[in-house]
Amino acid sequence: MRRRWRKRGPAFWLALAIFATVVLLVSWALAVPVGSGSAQLITVERGDSVSDVAIMLREKGLVRSADLFAVAAYATGKWRRIQAGRHELDGSLSALEMLDALCRGTRRAWRWLTIPEGYSAQQIAEQVQESGLGRAATFLEAVSSRGSFAAPFPLPGGSLEGYLFPDTYRVGAGESEADIIDQMLRRFDQVVWKQLFHERGSYQGRSLHDIIILASLVEWEAQRESERAIVAGVLTNRLSRGQKLECDATVQYALGAGRKSRLTNGDLLIESPYNTYLHEGLPPGPICNPGEASIKAAMNPANVPYLYYVARRDGSHVFSTTYDKHLEAISKVRREK
């Protein structure tokens, strides 16, 4: 028998080496995860072939080879047991583990929760309740209990208002109101703390918290993208001159009844630390949860000479350098209305 092995020529050993290499590569492709990415949703429709499923997994970056996945499904006989429906697949699973998961059924009840830019914590709480994902009162209580959460960035001393980053979130079955808040804080960490602030607690001498407060004012006041930095510049100019901000948005927040179409003189006299008609400087905290564009504007206000602005009917503003010109602008805008 030993003589037979000795008689094998170079072609045999080359073929054997190629075969062993192919086996190793196939094993690696099927048994080693592509990565440790986040879970992704896969929808298998009734009538989808194994090839359809394999191509979908490859396009989402969950398997290395659609062909090898299909071959493994046929070779193991599991192609008949893949279940139609929605499957949440962990990105750290190997191709073979994903095949097993598709056969077991990893369907999970979940819903999308979309939080628009500029929503206050109260509005987010109401959205959570309307979406059937929790109770508004419980959500607000958790927002106020800042000590229940940990984050890489410095959290405010009181409410988490301003740090509930507006975005679309996937909320799974059984997740609590606190879990939803934790998702929002993680998103704030990714977009604001890491990308914009580069994990530093201040920017050009201003603290993270002060910038988020200013950004929340910009979010409420500026309805047009092109005016965000200008509004931030006006507010910054007033702060540097020691002038009261006299920002309507802060009064709206102090009233706590949603956005009024027009504030009365009585509204401007409401006693609240958030009333910037009565108190100098920034309000004690954010008045809403600003998006990335408003935060960027607050970080880099436009270098403008303006100290005043008044809103037009279409959401744009008339900017003025003096109080007399501001009064003229108000009269003009009222005539337009």
Protein backbone atom coordinates (compact mmCIF):
# COMPACT_ATOMS: atom_id res chain seq x y z
CA MET A 1 0.00 0.00 0.00
CA ARG A 2 2.88 2.32 0.77
CA ARG A 3 4.24 1.65 -2.71
CA ARG A 4 0.97 2.80 -4.25
CA TRP A 5 1.19 6.20 -2.46
CA ARG A 6 4.83 6.53 -3.57
CA LYS A 7 3.82 6.00 -7.19
CA ARG A 8 1.45 9.01 -7.11
CA GLY A 9 2.75 11.67 -9.45
CA PRO A 10 2.98 15.49 -9.04
CA ALA A 11 -0.44 15.95 -10.69
CA PHE A 12 -2.11 13.90 -7.96
CA TRP A 13 -0.51 15.88 -5.16
CA LEU A 14 -1.37 19.16 -6.88
CA ALA A 15 -5.00 18.07 -7.23
CA LEU A 16 -5.07 17.01 -3.58
CA ALA A 17 -3.67 20.37 -2.48
CA ILE A 18 -6.23 22.22 -4.58
CA PHE A 19 -9.04 20.09 -3.15
CA ALA A 20 -7.88 20.73 0.43
CA THR A 21 -7.63 24.45 -0.26
CA VAL A 22 -11.14 24.54 -1.71
CA VAL A 23 -12.50 22.65 1.31
CA LEU A 24 -10.82 25.09 3.68
CA LEU A 25 -12.10 28.11 1.75
CA VAL A 26 -15.65 26.75 1.66
CA SER A 27 -15.52 25.94 5.36
CA TRP A 28 -14.23 29.43 6.11
CA ALA A 29 -16.91 31.07 3.96
CA LEU A 30 -19.72 29.13 5.63
CA ALA A 31 -18.53 28.76 9.21
CA VAL A 32 -16.83 32.09 9.91
CA PRO A 33 -19.08 35.18 10.34
CA VAL A 34 -18.67 38.04 7.89
CA GLY A 35 -18.40 40.44 10.81
CA SER A 36 -20.03 41.57 14.04
CA GLY A 37 -22.46 44.07 12.52
CA SER A 38 -25.82 44.99 13.98
CA ALA A 39 -28.90 42.84 13.43
CA GLN A 40 -30.69 43.24 10.13
CA LEU A 41 -34.23 42.53 9.08
CA ILE A 42 -34.71 39.92 6.35
CA THR A 43 -38.13 39.33 4.77
CA VAL A 44 -38.64 35.95 3.07
CA GLU A 45 -41.72 35.95 0.87
CA ARG A 46 -43.76 32.84 0.13
CA GLY A 47 -42.44 31.36 -3.09
CA ASP A 48 -38.92 32.76 -2.68
CA SER A 49 -36.31 30.27 -3.82
CA VAL A 50 -33.16 29.44 -1.90
CA SER A 51 -31.26 31.47 -4.48
CA ASP A 52 -33.49 34.48 -3.82
CA VAL A 53 -32.80 34.25 -0.09
CA ALA A 54 -29.07 33.71 -0.65
CA ILE A 55 -28.80 36.74 -2.94
CA MET A 56 -30.67 38.88 -0.40
CA LEU A 57 -28.26 37.82 2.36
CA ARG A 58 -25.28 38.57 0.13
CA GLU A 59 -26.60 42.01 -0.82
CA LYS A 60 -27.02 42.89 2.86
CA GLY A 61 -23.46 41.77 3.56
CA LEU A 62 -24.49 38.91 5.85
CA VAL A 63 -22.85 36.06 3.86
CA ARG A 64 -19.76 35.94 1.69
CA SER A 65 -21.18 33.91 -1.16
CA ALA A 66 -24.77 33.47 -2.28
CA ASP A 67 -23.84 30.37 -4.28
CA LEU A 68 -22.15 28.64 -1.33
CA PHE A 69 -25.09 29.46 0.93
CA ALA A 70 -27.49 27.92 -1.59
CA VAL A 71 -25.30 24.82 -1.99
CA ALA A 72 -25.16 24.38 1.81
CA ALA A 73 -28.97 24.70 2.01
CA TYR A 74 -29.44 21.99 -0.64
CA ALA A 75 -26.66 19.74 0.69
CA THR A 76 -28.12 19.71 4.20
CA GLY A 77 -31.74 19.44 3.04
CA LYS A 78 -32.62 22.60 4.95
CA TRP A 79 -33.77 24.45 1.84
CA ARG A 80 -37.25 22.94 2.39
CA ARG A 81 -37.46 24.26 5.97
CA ILE A 82 -36.69 27.96 5.42
CA GLN A 83 -39.70 29.82 6.82
CA ALA A 84 -41.43 32.70 5.09
CA GLY A 85 -41.83 35.91 7.08
CA ARG A 86 -39.65 38.51 8.76
CA HIS A 87 -36.39 37.38 10.34
CA GLU A 88 -34.01 39.43 12.45
CA LEU A 89 -30.53 38.06 11.81
CA ASP A 90 -27.57 38.91 14.01
CA GLY A 91 -24.63 40.14 11.94
CA SER A 92 -22.22 38.04 14.03
CA LEU A 93 -23.76 34.74 12.89
CA SER A 94 -22.00 32.50 10.37
CA ALA A 95 -23.73 31.50 7.13
CA LEU A 96 -24.57 28.06 8.54
CA GLU A 97 -25.97 29.59 11.73
CA MET A 98 -28.11 31.95 9.64
CA LEU A 99 -29.43 28.99 7.68
CA ASP A 100 -30.45 27.34 10.96
CA ALA A 101 -32.04 30.57 12.19
CA LEU A 102 -34.08 30.90 9.00
CA CYS A 103 -35.32 27.35 9.51
CA ARG A 104 -36.20 27.87 13.19
CA GLY A 105 -37.90 31.18 12.56
CA THR A 106 -36.41 34.26 14.19
CA ARG A 107 -39.40 36.47 13.54
CA ARG A 108 -39.65 39.17 16.13
CA ALA A 109 -42.39 41.72 16.70
CA TRP A 110 -41.03 45.22 16.29
CA ARG A 111 -42.16 48.66 15.18
CA TRP A 112 -40.59 51.78 13.75
CA LEU A 113 -40.59 54.92 15.89
CA THR A 114 -39.87 58.16 14.04
CA ILE A 115 -38.98 61.25 16.08
CA PRO A 116 -38.94 64.49 14.04
CA GLU A 117 -36.32 67.14 14.65
CA GLY A 118 -37.42 69.71 17.21
CA TYR A 119 -39.76 67.48 19.19
CA SER A 120 -39.75 68.12 22.94
CA ALA A 121 -39.54 65.27 25.43
CA GLN A 122 -43.28 65.70 26.00
CA GLN A 123 -44.00 65.30 22.28
CA ILE A 124 -41.71 62.26 22.05
CA ALA A 125 -43.50 60.70 25.03
CA GLU A 126 -46.84 61.22 23.31
CA GLN A 127 -45.44 59.69 20.11
CA VAL A 128 -44.23 56.64 22.04
CA GLN A 129 -47.68 56.17 23.56
CA GLU A 130 -49.53 56.71 20.26
CA SER A 131 -47.27 54.10 18.64
CA GLY A 132 -48.22 51.59 21.32
CA LEU A 133 -44.64 51.32 22.56
CA GLY A 134 -45.09 52.53 26.12
CA ARG A 135 -46.75 55.02 28.41
CA ALA A 136 -46.09 58.74 28.04
CA ALA A 137 -45.93 59.29 31.80
CA THR A 138 -43.41 56.47 32.25
CA PHE A 139 -41.28 57.82 29.41
CA LEU A 140 -41.22 61.34 30.89
CA GLU A 141 -40.38 59.97 34.32
CA ALA A 142 -37.43 58.11 32.83
CA VAL A 143 -36.29 61.25 30.94
CA SER A 144 -36.22 63.10 34.26
CA SER A 145 -34.33 60.35 36.11
CA ARG A 146 -31.01 61.10 34.46
CA GLY A 147 -29.16 58.87 36.95
CA SER A 148 -30.67 55.76 35.38
CA PHE A 149 -28.59 56.18 32.24
CA ALA A 150 -24.90 56.11 31.38
CA ALA A 151 -23.28 57.64 28.31
CA PRO A 152 -19.76 58.37 27.03
CA PHE A 153 -20.62 62.10 26.84
CA PRO A 154 -21.43 64.35 29.82
CA LEU A 155 -25.13 64.05 30.57
CA PRO A 156 -27.04 67.10 31.86
CA GLY A 157 -27.74 67.34 35.55
CA GLY A 158 -31.53 67.20 35.21
CA SER A 159 -33.76 66.24 32.33
CA LEU A 160 -32.39 64.55 29.21
CA GLU A 161 -34.24 67.09 27.06
CA GLY A 162 -32.02 67.99 24.12
CA TYR A 163 -30.16 64.68 24.09
CA LEU A 164 -32.96 62.46 22.74
CA PHE A 165 -31.61 62.47 19.22
CA PRO A 166 -34.32 62.72 16.53
CA ASP A 167 -34.20 59.77 14.16
CA THR A 168 -36.10 56.63 13.16
CA TYR A 169 -35.69 53.79 15.63
CA ARG A 170 -36.61 50.12 15.53
CA VAL A 171 -38.20 49.11 18.81
CA GLY A 172 -38.52 45.42 19.53
CA ALA A 173 -41.17 43.61 21.53
CA GLY A 174 -40.62 43.86 25.26
CA GLU A 175 -38.38 46.93 25.09
CA SER A 176 -39.20 49.44 27.81
CA GLU A 177 -39.44 53.21 27.69
CA ALA A 178 -35.94 53.33 29.20
CA ASP A 179 -34.66 51.08 26.39
CA ILE A 180 -36.02 53.55 23.82
CA ILE A 181 -34.29 56.44 25.60
CA ASP A 182 -31.07 54.44 25.69
CA GLN A 183 -31.27 54.00 21.90
CA MET A 184 -31.64 57.76 21.48
CA LEU A 185 -28.66 58.46 23.72
CA ARG A 186 -26.54 55.98 21.76
CA ARG A 187 -27.51 57.73 18.54
CA PHE A 188 -26.56 61.10 20.08
CA ASP A 189 -23.22 59.56 21.00
CA GLN A 190 -22.63 58.39 17.41
CA VAL A 191 -23.68 61.55 15.57
CA VAL A 192 -22.96 64.42 17.97
CA TRP A 193 -20.37 63.31 20.50
CA LYS A 194 -18.15 61.26 18.18
CA GLN A 195 -18.63 62.89 14.76
CA LEU A 196 -19.20 66.56 15.61
CA PHE A 197 -17.44 67.04 18.95
CA HIS A 198 -14.80 64.33 18.46
CA GLU A 199 -15.41 63.25 22.07
CA ARG A 200 -14.45 66.61 23.53
CA GLY A 201 -16.64 68.35 26.10
CA SER A 202 -16.39 71.77 24.51
CA TYR A 203 -16.12 73.41 21.11
CA GLN A 204 -14.30 76.71 20.63
CA GLY A 205 -14.62 77.45 24.33
CA ARG A 206 -18.32 76.62 24.60
CA SER A 207 -19.59 73.57 26.47
CA LEU A 208 -21.54 70.75 24.86
CA HIS A 209 -24.56 71.63 26.99
CA ASP A 210 -24.56 75.32 26.01
CA ILE A 211 -24.33 74.43 22.33
CA ILE A 212 -27.21 71.95 22.60
CA ILE A 213 -29.31 74.64 24.32
CA LEU A 214 -28.53 77.13 21.54
CA ALA A 215 -29.21 74.46 18.90
CA SER A 216 -32.63 73.81 20.43
CA LEU A 217 -33.50 77.49 20.03
CA VAL A 218 -32.31 77.44 16.42
CA GLU A 219 -34.38 74.31 15.77
CA TRP A 220 -37.56 76.04 16.90
CA GLU A 221 -36.86 79.44 15.36
CA ALA A 222 -35.40 78.56 11.95
CA GLN A 223 -37.73 76.74 9.61
CA ARG A 224 -35.46 77.14 6.59
CA GLU A 225 -32.18 75.28 6.27
CA SER A 226 -30.43 78.32 4.80
CA GLU A 227 -31.28 80.46 7.85
CA ARG A 228 -30.16 78.17 10.67
CA ALA A 229 -26.62 79.56 10.92
CA ILE A 230 -27.90 83.15 10.57
CA VAL A 231 -30.39 82.71 13.42
CA ALA A 232 -27.59 81.16 15.48
CA GLY A 233 -25.46 84.20 14.64
CA VAL A 234 -28.14 86.65 15.78
CA LEU A 235 -28.62 84.82 19.09
CA THR A 236 -24.85 84.62 19.62
CA ASN A 237 -24.50 88.36 18.91
CA ARG A 238 -27.12 89.17 21.53
CA LEU A 239 -25.46 86.91 24.08
CA SER A 240 -22.05 88.50 23.51
CA ARG A 241 -23.54 92.01 23.97
CA GLY A 242 -25.37 91.04 27.16
CA GLN A 243 -28.79 91.57 25.56
CA LYS A 244 -31.75 89.42 26.49
CA LEU A 245 -32.41 86.85 23.79
CA GLU A 246 -36.14 87.66 23.72
CA CYS A 247 -36.69 84.37 21.93
CA ASP A 248 -40.34 83.44 21.41
CA ALA A 249 -39.52 79.74 21.35
CA THR A 250 -38.41 79.81 24.99
CA VAL A 251 -41.73 81.40 26.01
CA GLN A 252 -43.61 78.75 24.04
CA TYR A 253 -41.68 76.09 25.97
CA ALA A 254 -42.39 77.82 29.29
CA LEU A 255 -46.12 77.87 28.50
CA GLY A 256 -45.98 74.11 27.98
CA ALA A 257 -49.06 73.97 25.80
CA GLY A 258 -47.49 73.37 22.40
CA ARG A 259 -46.76 75.98 19.78
CA LYS A 260 -49.15 78.95 19.74
CA SER A 261 -49.74 80.77 16.47
CA ARG A 262 -49.02 84.09 18.17
CA LEU A 263 -47.84 85.06 21.63
CA THR A 264 -49.67 87.74 23.61
CA ASN A 265 -48.10 90.45 25.77
CA GLY A 266 -49.30 88.47 28.78
CA ASP A 267 -47.46 85.39 27.54
CA LEU A 268 -44.22 87.36 27.42
CA LEU A 269 -44.57 88.14 31.14
CA ILE A 270 -44.91 84.54 32.32
CA GLU A 271 -42.50 83.93 35.20
CA SER A 272 -40.19 81.11 34.20
CA PRO A 273 -36.41 80.66 34.01
CA TYR A 274 -37.06 79.77 30.36
CA ASN A 275 -38.58 83.18 29.59
CA THR A 276 -35.73 84.94 27.81
CA TYR A 277 -37.77 88.16 27.67
CA LEU A 278 -37.31 88.40 31.45
CA HIS A 279 -33.98 86.65 32.03
CA GLU A 280 -30.59 87.21 30.42
CA GLY A 281 -28.46 84.53 28.85
CA LEU A 282 -29.39 81.08 27.68
CA PRO A 283 -32.32 79.27 29.29
CA PRO A 284 -31.32 76.66 31.90
CA GLY A 285 -31.75 73.77 29.46
CA PRO A 286 -32.69 72.82 25.90
CA ILE A 287 -36.29 73.47 24.87
CA CYS A 288 -36.44 70.60 22.37
CA ASN A 289 -34.29 67.90 20.85
CA PRO A 290 -32.39 69.45 17.92
CA GLY A 291 -31.21 67.64 14.83
CA GLU A 292 -27.73 67.53 13.37
CA ALA A 293 -28.20 70.60 11.12
CA SER A 294 -29.21 72.87 14.01
CA ILE A 295 -26.38 71.57 16.18
CA LYS A 296 -23.89 72.34 13.40
CA ALA A 297 -25.37 75.84 13.10
CA ALA A 298 -25.02 76.41 16.84
CA MET A 299 -21.42 75.22 16.71
CA ASN A 300 -20.58 77.54 13.82
CA PRO A 301 -22.93 80.57 13.83
CA ALA A 302 -22.84 82.82 10.79
CA ASN A 303 -20.71 85.96 11.17
CA VAL A 304 -23.51 88.48 10.62
CA PRO A 305 -24.18 91.99 11.99
CA TYR A 306 -27.82 91.31 12.83
CA LEU A 307 -29.35 91.60 16.29
CA TYR A 308 -33.02 91.09 15.43
CA TYR A 309 -35.27 88.99 13.22
CA VAL A 310 -38.97 88.62 12.59
CA ALA A 311 -40.68 85.67 10.92
CA ARG A 312 -42.58 85.97 7.67
CA ARG A 313 -45.66 83.95 6.86
CA ASP A 314 -43.66 81.52 4.70
CA GLY A 315 -41.27 80.70 7.55
CA SER A 316 -38.39 82.89 6.34
CA HIS A 317 -37.13 85.84 8.39
CA VAL A 318 -36.32 89.51 7.98
CA PHE A 319 -33.04 90.27 9.75
CA SER A 320 -32.18 93.71 11.13
CA THR A 321 -29.16 95.41 12.67
CA THR A 322 -31.00 98.03 14.77
CA TYR A 323 -34.18 98.14 16.81
CA ASP A 324 -35.70 100.85 14.60
CA LYS A 325 -35.16 98.73 11.49
CA HIS A 326 -36.58 95.78 13.39
CA LEU A 327 -39.79 97.74 14.10
CA GLU A 328 -40.01 98.63 10.41
CA ALA A 329 -39.60 94.96 9.52
CA ILE A 330 -42.37 93.97 11.97
CA SER A 331 -44.75 96.51 10.38
CA LYS A 332 -43.88 95.25 6.91
CA VAL A 333 -44.40 91.62 7.85
CA ARG A 334 -47.76 92.39 9.47
CA ARG A 335 -48.89 94.17 6.31
CA GLU A 336 -47.87 91.10 4.30
CA LYS A 337 -49.98 88.90 6.56
